[in-house]
Protein backbone atom coordinates (compact mmCIF):
# COMPACT_ATOMS: atom_id res chain seq x y z
CA ASP A 1 14.36 -4.80 5.00
CA ILE A 2 11.24 -3.79 6.29
CA LEU A 3 7.61 -5.10 6.31
CA LEU A 4 4.76 -1.97 7.39
CA ASN A 5 0.67 -2.98 7.88
CA VAL A 6 -1.52 0.33 8.47
CA ARG A 7 -5.14 -0.73 8.87
CA GLU A 8 -7.68 2.44 9.34
CA SER A 9 -11.25 1.99 9.66
CA GLY A 10 -14.18 4.95 10.14
CA LYS A 11 -18.02 5.62 9.11
CA ASP A 12 -18.68 7.67 5.96
CA GLN A 13 -21.28 10.14 6.29
CA ASP A 14 -24.39 7.70 5.98
CA ASP A 15 -22.45 5.92 9.11
CA VAL A 16 -21.51 3.35 7.78
CA GLY A 17 -18.43 1.46 8.69
CA TRP A 18 -15.33 0.64 6.18
CA PHE A 19 -11.98 -0.70 6.66
CA THR A 20 -8.64 -0.65 4.20
CA TYR A 21 -5.77 -2.60 5.28
CA HIS A 22 -2.41 -1.36 3.20
CA THR A 23 1.12 -3.78 3.28
CA VAL A 24 3.83 -2.32 2.08
CA GLN A 25 7.39 -4.27 2.26
CA GLY A 26 10.66 -3.30 1.00
CA LYS A 27 14.00 -1.66 1.78
CA PHE A 28 13.77 1.39 4.68
CA LYS A 29 15.88 4.12 3.80
CA SER A 30 14.63 6.92 6.10
CA LEU A 31 12.73 8.75 8.60
CA LYS A 32 11.93 11.81 9.36
CA GLU A 33 9.79 13.40 12.59
CA LYS A 34 8.12 16.63 11.97
CA THR A 35 8.28 19.39 14.86
CA MET A 36 4.84 19.96 16.14
CA LYS A 37 3.29 22.96 17.41
CA MET A 38 1.14 22.81 20.45
CA GLY A 39 -2.55 20.93 18.93
CA ASP A 40 -0.88 19.38 16.35
CA LYS A 41 -1.26 15.82 15.56
CA PRO A 42 1.76 14.29 15.51
CA VAL A 43 3.58 13.23 12.17
CA THR A 44 6.41 10.65 11.15
CA GLU A 45 7.41 10.13 7.49
CA LEU A 46 8.94 7.08 6.21
CA GLU A 47 10.56 6.34 3.00
CA ILE A 48 10.65 2.94 1.94
CA ALA A 49 12.08 1.62 -1.47
CA VAL A 50 9.14 -0.50 -2.23
CA ARG A 51 9.13 -4.03 -3.17
CA VAL A 52 5.68 -5.61 -2.33
CA TYR A 53 2.45 -3.18 -2.07
CA ASN A 54 -1.56 -4.51 -1.41
CA ARG A 55 -4.26 -2.48 -0.59
CA ILE A 56 -7.81 -4.11 0.41
CA GLU A 57 -10.97 -1.50 0.87
CA ASP A 58 -14.00 -3.88 2.78
CA GLY A 59 -12.67 -6.82 1.95
CA VAL A 60 -11.83 -6.33 -2.09
CA MET A 61 -8.50 -6.53 -2.83
CA VAL A 62 -8.24 -2.86 -4.97
CA ALA A 63 -4.33 -3.46 -5.75
CA ASP A 64 -1.37 -6.00 -5.29
CA ILE A 65 2.39 -4.91 -6.77
CA ASP A 66 4.98 -7.13 -6.54
CA THR A 67 8.06 -5.22 -8.12
CA ARG A 68 10.37 -8.45 -8.63
CA THR A 69 7.46 -10.72 -10.66
CA GLN A 70 6.41 -7.48 -12.58
CA LYS A 71 2.88 -8.05 -10.82
CA PHE A 72 0.74 -4.66 -11.57
CA TRP A 73 -2.97 -6.03 -10.29
CA LEU A 74 -5.30 -2.86 -9.79
CA ASN A 75 -8.94 -3.21 -9.39
CA GLY A 76 -9.83 -6.69 -10.52
CA GLU A 77 -7.21 -6.24 -13.88
CA ASP A 78 -3.81 -7.43 -14.36
CA ILE A 79 -2.02 -4.22 -16.10
CA LEU A 80 0.91 -5.98 -16.69
CA ALA A 81 -0.57 -9.74 -17.92
CA ASP A 82 0.57 -9.58 -21.76
CA ALA A 83 3.87 -8.09 -20.40
CA ARG A 84 4.65 -10.61 -18.41
CA ARG A 85 3.87 -13.55 -21.00
CA LEU A 86 5.64 -11.75 -23.68
CA VAL A 87 9.10 -11.84 -21.88
CA LEU A 88 7.86 -15.64 -20.63
CA LEU A 89 7.60 -14.48 -16.70
CA PRO A 90 4.37 -16.37 -15.16
């Protein structure tokens, strides 16, 4: 199992700061490092069988997905709420 937290921040073209937090939990499958040429940024590719993912942008939850509980919350809307209710999941 792996838990990966990625935090990024920056400034937009109007010089306003922003931040995004990504959290991924799941089974680690593979890791690949790309060969680099002089002046290139290093690239690492992780393959993860995702169980849980969530993303927060500027303090607002944008995505919250859990594959076991069938929760799929995106941009303030619980996409699978009706489907879960039909199969008696909370």
